Amino acid sequence: MNLDKSKRNIVLIILSVIAGIAYLAPLIRFTFYDQMVAALGITDIQLGTLAGVYGTLSVIGYVPSGILAEKFNTKKLLILSCAAMCLITLWYSMFPGFTALIVIHGLYGIFSVGTFWSPYLKAIRNLGDESEQGRLFGISEGVRGVGQTIVAFICLGVMGLFATEAAGFRAVLLINAAVFALLTLLVVFLVPDFDKDKGKETVVTGKKESMWKAFGKSSIWLCIFVIMCGYILWNTANSYMGTYCTRVLMITPELSSTLSIIRSYIIVFVAGISGGIIMDKFKFKGSGMFFAFLATGVCAAAVFFTSQTTMICVVVTVILAYLVNVIKSTYWSILGEAGVPLAMTGIATGIISLIGLSPDIFVAPIISRFLAYGEAQGDVTIGFNIMIVWMVVWSALGILSAVLLKRRGMKIKARGVEG
């Protein structure tokens, strides 16, 4: 889509902020766990049930999201998602009964993933050509994190203005609803219609072919291979490097929390912006991914070899966080090089997300068993060392996936082969 630079940047920011805020309200327990339990009058088990409902509907929603992105207008799906999230959050703020809360979290899963995820990826991809994909997705990831951070800190400040947790939690939900309402209007008036040049019949026909053939396309599985390797590394480092610093390096919980904030917010922004720019410097995305996975593997091994020197090891963990976020922020830019046609972006991203992001289901159970094994042996460090080996192995697989991606890109460039 041909947009002038300023208009494109505005659209990119709007889409990225939506992508960040869409997951803030459904996952509000991450920030306001105790306040949520108190305000809603629920137990830990009930809260876990709500989280399970949202997680299940989210995972199930990836493939329908791809189909919807191919069959229906992208802009209208974005408007529907924002408006629905606004209304659901308003309902949430009324503190309904537990059955209604289950329905609310199920609806969050539908409208934050099912009607939004693939249309969002499709819209970002349409903002530039293949030479700009790394930069576009990297900047989007960085802005996404900034948007989440700003709204989260606003909510945190507002929470403290109220005498009761219930009143504060309701205010937080109302703020989220207001943000969704504003984003709905911004999409209506500022986001272009990405599908205006496509006839309905063409879109539908493309969807039918993609739906039945996508699973058999090598391009889809190559993207799954790259993205799964990257997501496993990000998931592991993002979830366990904080507790590694506390339990192995023996730094204070306060310093560990500070480092976690740096990893979760500052590093995400820096990695998104710089990673996208760096990735676009390579002639082939596969080359960029090769060096990113290689550096991640070396850095993961360095955590083990520097563990006796606390400050050096802490610095290494921060570098590791940067590297895995570079991979995560740019791995959606590989679609073109892998051979996924632009017209098939919707269904492709749905299928790739379903499988490639499935580590959310199994990484935590696996790593927790590593740690439990170490504790059973009398030293939790043993479990963390196994985790480091796990990261090195997935880095090696990531290197292999990057090599295959580069070869695929060279073949496409030379022969114009797709699929």
Protein backbone atom coordinates (compact mmCIF):
# COMPACT_ATOMS: atom_id res chain seq x y z
CA MET A 1 0.00 0.00 0.00
CA ASN A 2 1.35 3.40 -1.01
CA LEU A 3 1.26 5.80 1.95
CA ASP A 4 3.45 8.81 2.60
CA LYS A 5 5.99 8.34 5.37
CA SER A 6 4.19 10.36 8.05
CA LYS A 7 0.82 8.68 7.41
CA ARG A 8 2.44 5.26 7.43
CA ASN A 9 4.17 5.98 10.75
CA ILE A 10 0.88 7.09 12.29
CA VAL A 11 -0.86 3.92 11.11
CA LEU A 12 2.04 1.78 12.36
CA ILE A 13 1.85 3.38 15.81
CA ILE A 14 -1.94 2.92 16.02
CA LEU A 15 -1.77 -0.74 15.02
CA SER A 16 1.12 -1.40 17.40
CA VAL A 17 -0.58 0.25 20.37
CA ILE A 18 -3.71 -1.83 19.72
CA ALA A 19 -1.57 -4.97 19.64
CA GLY A 20 -0.18 -4.08 23.05
CA ILE A 21 -3.39 -2.96 24.76
CA ALA A 22 -5.42 -5.88 23.37
CA TYR A 23 -3.60 -8.18 25.81
CA LEU A 24 -3.39 -5.80 28.77
CA ALA A 25 -6.98 -6.13 30.01
CA PRO A 26 -7.27 -9.93 29.55
CA LEU A 27 -3.95 -10.39 31.37
CA ILE A 28 -4.52 -7.70 33.99
CA ARG A 29 -3.86 -10.28 36.71
CA PHE A 30 -0.14 -9.99 35.88
CA THR A 31 -0.14 -6.48 37.32
CA PHE A 32 -3.11 -6.39 39.69
CA TYR A 33 -3.46 -9.96 40.89
CA ASP A 34 -4.38 -9.27 44.52
CA GLN A 35 -6.61 -6.33 43.66
CA MET A 36 -8.44 -8.45 41.10
CA VAL A 37 -9.09 -11.26 43.59
CA ALA A 38 -10.33 -8.79 46.22
CA ALA A 39 -12.47 -6.70 43.87
CA LEU A 40 -14.17 -9.65 42.18
CA GLY A 41 -14.46 -11.73 45.33
CA ILE A 42 -12.92 -14.82 43.73
CA THR A 43 -10.38 -17.43 44.82
CA ASP A 44 -6.98 -18.25 43.36
CA ILE A 45 -8.47 -21.36 41.78
CA GLN A 46 -11.25 -19.35 40.16
CA LEU A 47 -8.72 -16.84 38.85
CA GLY A 48 -6.76 -19.74 37.42
CA THR A 49 -9.93 -20.96 35.72
CA LEU A 50 -10.46 -17.55 34.12
CA ALA A 51 -6.86 -17.56 32.89
CA GLY A 52 -7.35 -21.05 31.47
CA VAL A 53 -10.50 -20.02 29.61
CA TYR A 54 -8.75 -17.04 28.06
CA GLY A 55 -5.67 -19.06 27.16
CA THR A 56 -7.69 -21.84 25.57
CA LEU A 57 -9.83 -19.53 23.45
CA SER A 58 -6.72 -17.58 22.43
CA VAL A 59 -4.86 -20.65 21.16
CA ILE A 60 -7.95 -22.00 19.41
CA GLY A 61 -8.50 -18.59 17.83
CA TYR A 62 -5.29 -18.46 15.78
CA VAL A 63 -6.52 -20.47 12.79
CA PRO A 64 -10.01 -18.85 12.64
CA SER A 65 -8.18 -15.52 12.83
CA GLY A 66 -6.28 -16.39 9.68
CA ILE A 67 -9.44 -17.45 7.86
CA LEU A 68 -11.27 -14.28 8.89
CA ALA A 69 -8.33 -12.15 7.75
CA GLU A 70 -8.57 -13.69 4.28
CA LYS A 71 -12.35 -13.59 3.94
CA PHE A 72 -13.27 -10.25 5.53
CA ASN A 73 -12.11 -6.67 5.32
CA THR A 74 -9.00 -6.03 7.45
CA LYS A 75 -10.00 -2.57 8.64
CA LYS A 76 -13.49 -3.71 9.63
CA LEU A 77 -12.02 -6.59 11.65
CA LEU A 78 -9.72 -4.16 13.47
CA ILE A 79 -12.68 -1.89 14.25
CA LEU A 80 -14.73 -4.86 15.44
CA SER A 81 -11.91 -6.04 17.71
CA CYS A 82 -11.37 -2.64 19.36
CA ALA A 83 -15.08 -1.90 19.78
CA ALA A 84 -15.78 -5.37 21.18
CA MET A 85 -12.87 -5.12 23.64
CA CYS A 86 -14.26 -1.77 24.82
CA LEU A 87 -17.74 -3.18 25.45
CA ILE A 88 -16.43 -6.36 27.10
CA THR A 89 -14.25 -4.32 29.43
CA LEU A 90 -17.18 -2.09 30.37
CA TRP A 91 -19.12 -5.23 31.27
CA TYR A 92 -16.10 -6.47 33.23
CA SER A 93 -16.06 -3.20 35.23
CA MET A 94 -19.54 -3.96 36.55
CA PHE A 95 -18.08 -6.89 38.53
CA PRO A 96 -20.59 -9.52 37.36
CA GLY A 97 -20.81 -13.04 38.79
CA PHE A 98 -18.25 -15.76 38.17
CA THR A 99 -20.16 -17.35 35.29
CA ALA A 100 -20.25 -13.99 33.53
CA LEU A 101 -16.53 -13.55 34.21
CA ILE A 102 -15.89 -16.85 32.44
CA VAL A 103 -17.87 -15.59 29.44
CA ILE A 104 -15.97 -12.29 29.52
CA HIS A 105 -12.59 -13.99 29.43
CA GLY A 106 -13.77 -16.29 26.66
CA LEU A 107 -14.86 -13.22 24.66
CA TYR A 108 -11.49 -11.62 25.35
CA GLY A 109 -9.86 -14.66 23.73
CA ILE A 110 -12.12 -14.36 20.69
CA PHE A 111 -11.69 -10.63 20.09
CA SER A 112 -8.03 -10.18 21.11
CA VAL A 113 -6.91 -13.10 18.92
CA GLY A 114 -9.68 -14.54 16.76
CA THR A 115 -10.71 -11.30 15.06
CA PHE A 116 -7.49 -9.35 15.62
CA TRP A 117 -4.19 -11.25 15.47
CA SER A 118 -3.91 -12.18 11.78
CA PRO A 119 -5.56 -8.93 10.55
CA TYR A 120 -2.97 -7.02 12.62
CA LEU A 121 -0.05 -8.99 11.09
CA LYS A 122 -1.58 -8.62 7.63
CA ALA A 123 -1.93 -4.85 8.09
CA ILE A 124 1.67 -4.44 9.25
CA ARG A 125 2.94 -6.49 6.32
CA ASN A 126 0.96 -4.31 3.91
CA LEU A 127 2.68 -1.14 5.12
CA GLY A 128 5.90 -1.80 3.22
CA ASP A 129 7.76 -3.97 0.75
CA GLU A 130 10.04 -6.90 1.57
CA SER A 131 13.08 -4.68 2.15
CA GLU A 132 11.24 -2.96 5.04
CA GLN A 133 9.59 -5.90 6.78
CA GLY A 134 12.21 -6.29 9.51
CA ARG A 135 12.02 -2.61 10.38
CA LEU A 136 8.21 -2.54 10.34
CA PHE A 137 7.75 -5.56 12.59
CA GLY A 138 10.61 -4.54 14.85
CA ILE A 139 9.27 -1.02 15.37
CA SER A 140 5.78 -2.44 15.89
CA GLU A 141 7.03 -4.72 18.64
CA GLY A 142 8.88 -1.86 20.30
CA VAL A 143 5.93 0.56 20.15
CA ARG A 144 3.66 -2.23 21.35
CA GLY A 145 5.73 -2.56 24.50
CA VAL A 146 5.83 1.20 25.04
CA GLY A 147 2.04 1.44 24.72
CA GLN A 148 1.54 -1.33 27.26
CA THR A 149 4.00 0.30 29.64
CA ILE A 150 2.38 3.74 29.49
CA VAL A 151 -1.14 2.46 30.05
CA ALA A 152 0.03 0.05 32.77
CA PHE A 153 1.77 2.84 34.71
CA ILE A 154 -1.27 5.11 34.33
CA CYS A 155 -3.42 2.33 35.74
CA LEU A 156 -0.94 1.80 38.57
CA GLY A 157 -1.09 5.49 39.48
CA VAL A 158 -4.88 5.60 39.32
CA MET A 159 -5.17 2.50 41.49
CA GLY A 160 -3.46 4.34 44.32
CA LEU A 161 -5.97 7.21 44.22
CA PHE A 162 -8.83 5.12 45.55
CA ALA A 163 -9.55 4.06 49.11
CA THR A 164 -10.62 0.52 48.25
CA GLU A 165 -9.15 -2.09 45.94
CA ALA A 166 -12.54 -2.61 44.31
CA ALA A 167 -12.91 1.05 43.39
CA GLY A 168 -9.35 1.21 42.12
CA PHE A 169 -9.71 -1.95 40.06
CA ARG A 170 -12.96 -0.67 38.50
CA ALA A 171 -11.21 2.58 37.57
CA VAL A 172 -8.41 0.60 35.93
CA LEU A 173 -10.91 -1.33 33.82
CA LEU A 174 -12.71 1.87 32.83
CA ILE A 175 -9.38 3.37 31.71
CA ASN A 176 -8.78 0.31 29.54
CA ALA A 177 -12.28 0.61 28.09
CA ALA A 178 -11.68 4.29 27.31
CA VAL A 179 -8.41 3.46 25.55
CA PHE A 180 -10.18 0.84 23.43
CA ALA A 181 -12.87 3.41 22.53
CA LEU A 182 -10.21 5.93 21.48
CA LEU A 183 -8.37 3.30 19.42
CA THR A 184 -11.63 2.36 17.69
CA LEU A 185 -12.06 5.95 16.55
CA LEU A 186 -8.44 6.18 15.42
CA VAL A 187 -8.83 3.08 13.28
CA VAL A 188 -12.07 4.41 11.77
CA PHE A 189 -10.59 7.77 10.78
CA LEU A 190 -6.84 7.19 10.31
CA VAL A 191 -6.20 3.57 9.29
CA PRO A 192 -6.60 2.99 5.53
CA ASP A 193 -8.66 0.24 3.95
CA PHE A 194 -5.97 -2.29 3.05
CA ASP A 195 -8.41 -4.35 0.96
CA LYS A 196 -10.01 -1.58 -1.09
CA ASP A 197 -8.22 -2.66 -4.27
CA LYS A 198 -9.23 -6.29 -3.92
CA GLY A 199 -12.45 -7.59 -5.30
CA LYS A 200 -14.48 -9.70 -2.90
CA GLU A 201 -14.48 -12.67 -5.22
CA THR A 202 -10.70 -12.62 -5.51
CA VAL A 203 -10.24 -12.52 -1.76
CA VAL A 204 -12.68 -15.37 -1.17
CA THR A 205 -11.15 -17.53 -3.88
CA GLY A 206 -7.68 -16.94 -2.48
CA LYS A 207 -8.94 -17.89 0.96
CA LYS A 208 -10.43 -21.19 -0.19
CA GLU A 209 -7.23 -22.25 -1.91
CA SER A 210 -5.13 -21.21 1.08
CA MET A 211 -7.34 -22.90 3.67
CA TRP A 212 -7.01 -26.32 2.09
CA LYS A 213 -3.46 -26.11 0.82
CA ALA A 214 -1.62 -24.05 3.42
CA PHE A 215 -0.77 -26.98 5.71
CA GLY A 216 1.02 -28.67 2.84
CA LYS A 217 3.14 -25.69 1.85
CA SER A 218 6.82 -25.86 2.69
CA SER A 219 6.88 -22.08 3.15
CA ILE A 220 4.43 -22.36 6.06
CA TRP A 221 6.46 -25.04 7.83
CA LEU A 222 9.70 -23.16 7.32
CA CYS A 223 8.16 -20.12 9.05
CA ILE A 224 6.88 -22.38 11.84
CA PHE A 225 10.40 -23.81 12.30
CA VAL A 226 12.05 -20.38 12.57
CA ILE A 227 9.35 -18.83 14.76
CA MET A 228 9.04 -21.78 17.14
CA CYS A 229 12.81 -21.79 17.76
CA GLY A 230 12.77 -18.06 18.41
CA TYR A 231 9.68 -18.16 20.60
CA ILE A 232 10.99 -20.99 22.77
CA LEU A 233 14.21 -19.06 23.39
CA TRP A 234 12.29 -15.86 24.18
CA ASN A 235 9.81 -17.67 26.41
CA THR A 236 12.57 -19.40 28.37
CA ALA A 237 14.79 -16.35 28.82
CA ASN A 238 11.91 -13.98 29.56
CA SER A 239 10.37 -16.29 32.15
CA TYR A 240 13.40 -17.69 33.98
CA MET A 241 16.38 -15.34 33.77
CA GLY A 242 14.98 -13.24 36.63
CA THR A 243 14.73 -16.17 39.01
CA TYR A 244 18.12 -17.45 37.74
CA CYS A 245 19.69 -14.20 38.92
CA THR A 246 18.04 -14.55 42.33
CA ARG A 247 18.51 -18.28 42.96
CA VAL A 248 21.86 -18.93 41.28
CA LEU A 249 23.66 -15.59 41.19
CA MET A 250 22.18 -14.73 44.60
CA ILE A 251 21.45 -11.10 43.80
CA THR A 252 18.79 -9.33 45.85
CA PRO A 253 15.11 -9.65 44.85
CA GLU A 254 14.99 -5.86 44.47
CA LEU A 255 17.85 -5.84 41.95
CA SER A 256 16.34 -8.84 40.20
CA SER A 257 13.02 -7.01 39.87
CA THR A 258 14.81 -3.96 38.47
CA LEU A 259 16.54 -6.17 35.91
CA SER A 260 13.20 -7.78 35.05
CA ILE A 261 11.71 -4.36 34.35
CA ILE A 262 14.67 -3.56 32.12
CA ARG A 263 14.20 -6.87 30.26
CA SER A 264 10.42 -6.56 30.01
CA TYR A 265 10.15 -2.94 28.92
CA ILE A 266 13.38 -1.13 28.01
CA ILE A 267 15.04 -4.07 26.25
CA VAL A 268 11.86 -4.85 24.29
CA PHE A 269 11.76 -1.32 22.91
CA VAL A 270 15.48 -1.13 22.13
CA ALA A 271 15.54 -4.61 20.57
CA GLY A 272 12.44 -3.92 18.50
CA ILE A 273 13.74 -0.70 16.97
CA SER A 274 17.41 -1.64 16.52
CA GLY A 275 16.70 -5.28 15.65
CA GLY A 276 14.36 -4.32 12.85
CA ILE A 277 16.85 -1.86 11.38
CA ILE A 278 19.70 -4.38 11.63
CA MET A 279 17.65 -7.21 10.10
CA ASP A 280 16.83 -5.09 7.05
CA LYS A 281 20.55 -4.48 6.47
CA PHE A 282 20.96 -8.10 5.45
CA LYS A 283 20.26 -9.06 1.84
CA PHE A 284 18.44 -12.13 3.15
CA LYS A 285 16.51 -12.34 6.41
CA GLY A 286 17.92 -15.84 6.82
CA SER A 287 21.40 -14.37 7.22
CA GLY A 288 20.21 -11.99 9.93
CA MET A 289 18.42 -14.79 11.75
CA PHE A 290 21.52 -16.99 11.46
CA PHE A 291 23.66 -14.48 13.34
CA ALA A 292 20.89 -13.74 15.85
CA PHE A 293 20.47 -17.42 16.74
CA LEU A 294 24.24 -17.95 16.78
CA ALA A 295 24.74 -15.02 19.17
CA THR A 296 21.89 -16.28 21.35
CA GLY A 297 23.45 -19.74 21.63
CA VAL A 298 26.86 -18.28 22.48
CA CYS A 299 25.30 -15.92 25.03
CA ALA A 300 23.31 -18.73 26.66
CA ALA A 301 26.50 -20.77 27.02
CA ALA A 302 28.24 -17.68 28.41
CA VAL A 303 25.68 -17.55 31.22
CA PHE A 304 26.98 -20.91 32.40
CA PHE A 305 30.67 -20.04 32.07
CA THR A 306 30.36 -16.66 33.82
CA SER A 307 28.05 -17.78 36.65
CA GLN A 308 30.92 -17.56 39.16
CA THR A 309 31.39 -13.87 38.35
CA THR A 310 28.07 -12.34 39.33
CA MET A 311 28.17 -8.90 37.70
CA ILE A 312 29.55 -10.20 34.40
CA CYS A 313 26.88 -12.91 34.35
CA VAL A 314 24.15 -10.35 35.07
CA VAL A 315 25.34 -8.30 32.09
CA VAL A 316 25.29 -11.45 29.95
CA THR A 317 21.67 -12.15 30.94
CA VAL A 318 20.70 -8.64 29.83
CA ILE A 319 22.47 -9.16 26.49
CA LEU A 320 20.67 -12.50 26.16
CA ALA A 321 17.35 -10.73 26.76
CA TYR A 322 18.22 -8.27 23.99
CA LEU A 323 19.06 -11.04 21.51
CA VAL A 324 15.92 -13.12 22.07
CA ASN A 325 13.81 -9.96 21.76
CA VAL A 326 15.53 -9.09 18.48
CA ILE A 327 14.49 -12.50 17.16
CA LYS A 328 10.94 -12.22 18.50
CA SER A 329 10.41 -8.70 17.21
CA THR A 330 11.52 -9.56 13.66
CA TYR A 331 10.57 -13.18 12.99
CA TRP A 332 7.28 -12.21 11.34
CA SER A 333 9.30 -10.33 8.71
CA ILE A 334 10.43 -13.62 7.14
CA LEU A 335 7.12 -14.47 5.44
CA GLY A 336 8.09 -13.08 2.05
CA GLU A 337 11.54 -14.66 2.05
CA ALA A 338 10.03 -18.00 3.04
CA GLY A 339 7.70 -17.81 0.06
CA VAL A 340 4.37 -16.92 1.68
CA PRO A 341 2.41 -14.81 -0.85
CA LEU A 342 1.03 -11.50 0.40
CA ALA A 343 -2.48 -12.63 -0.53
CA MET A 344 -2.13 -15.62 1.80
CA THR A 345 -0.90 -13.65 4.83
CA GLY A 346 -4.08 -14.14 6.86
CA ILE A 347 -4.44 -17.91 6.75
CA ALA A 348 -0.65 -18.35 6.87
CA THR A 349 -0.23 -16.33 10.06
CA GLY A 350 -3.13 -18.19 11.64
CA ILE A 351 -1.58 -21.60 11.04
CA ILE A 352 1.95 -20.44 11.88
CA SER A 353 0.75 -18.86 15.13
CA LEU A 354 -1.18 -21.95 16.18
CA ILE A 355 1.91 -24.16 15.97
CA GLY A 356 4.80 -21.72 16.19
CA LEU A 357 3.51 -20.06 19.37
CA SER A 358 2.45 -23.34 21.00
CA PRO A 359 5.52 -23.21 23.30
CA ASP A 360 3.25 -21.21 25.62
CA ILE A 361 1.72 -24.58 26.43
CA PHE A 362 4.82 -26.67 27.11
CA VAL A 363 7.85 -24.49 27.94
CA ALA A 364 6.89 -23.70 31.55
CA PRO A 365 6.01 -27.32 32.46
CA ILE A 366 9.29 -28.56 30.97
CA ILE A 367 11.54 -25.93 32.58
CA SER A 368 9.77 -26.32 35.93
CA ARG A 369 10.64 -30.02 35.84
CA PHE A 370 14.28 -29.18 35.13
CA LEU A 371 14.31 -27.00 38.24
CA ALA A 372 12.45 -29.58 40.32
CA TYR A 373 15.04 -32.17 39.30
CA GLY A 374 17.85 -29.85 40.42
CA GLU A 375 16.16 -29.29 43.77
CA ALA A 376 15.71 -33.03 44.19
CA GLN A 377 19.46 -33.40 43.64
CA GLY A 378 20.07 -30.80 46.33
CA ASP A 379 21.18 -27.99 44.03
CA VAL A 380 18.74 -26.01 41.88
CA THR A 381 21.71 -24.81 39.82
CA ILE A 382 21.72 -28.24 38.17
CA GLY A 383 18.21 -27.60 36.88
CA PHE A 384 19.17 -24.18 35.56
CA ASN A 385 22.22 -25.67 33.83
CA ILE A 386 19.93 -28.14 32.05
CA MET A 387 17.81 -25.15 31.04
CA ILE A 388 20.90 -23.49 29.54
CA VAL A 389 21.63 -26.65 27.54
CA TRP A 390 18.01 -26.54 26.37
CA MET A 391 18.55 -22.97 25.13
CA VAL A 392 21.77 -23.87 23.34
CA VAL A 393 20.02 -26.78 21.59
CA TRP A 394 17.15 -24.57 20.42
CA SER A 395 19.66 -21.95 19.27
CA ALA A 396 21.35 -24.63 17.16
CA LEU A 397 18.00 -25.62 15.68
CA GLY A 398 17.34 -21.93 15.06
CA ILE A 399 20.64 -21.68 13.15
CA LEU A 400 19.54 -24.63 11.01
CA SER A 401 16.16 -23.00 10.37
CA ALA A 402 17.91 -19.76 9.37
CA VAL A 403 20.14 -21.61 6.89
CA LEU A 404 17.07 -23.21 5.32
CA LEU A 405 15.35 -19.82 5.23
CA LYS A 406 18.27 -18.21 3.41
CA ARG A 407 18.42 -21.03 0.88
CA ARG A 408 14.69 -20.65 0.33
CA GLY A 409 15.06 -16.91 -0.16
CA MET A 410 17.89 -17.37 -2.68
CA LYS A 411 15.81 -19.89 -4.60
CA ILE A 412 12.79 -17.58 -4.70
CA LYS A 413 14.90 -14.64 -5.82
CA ALA A 414 16.53 -16.69 -8.57
CA ARG A 415 13.45 -18.56 -9.84
CA GLY A 416 10.42 -16.77 -8.45
CA VAL A 417 9.23 -19.93 -6.68
CA GLU A 418 6.51 -19.60 -4.05
CA GLY A 419 4.85 -22.00 -1.59
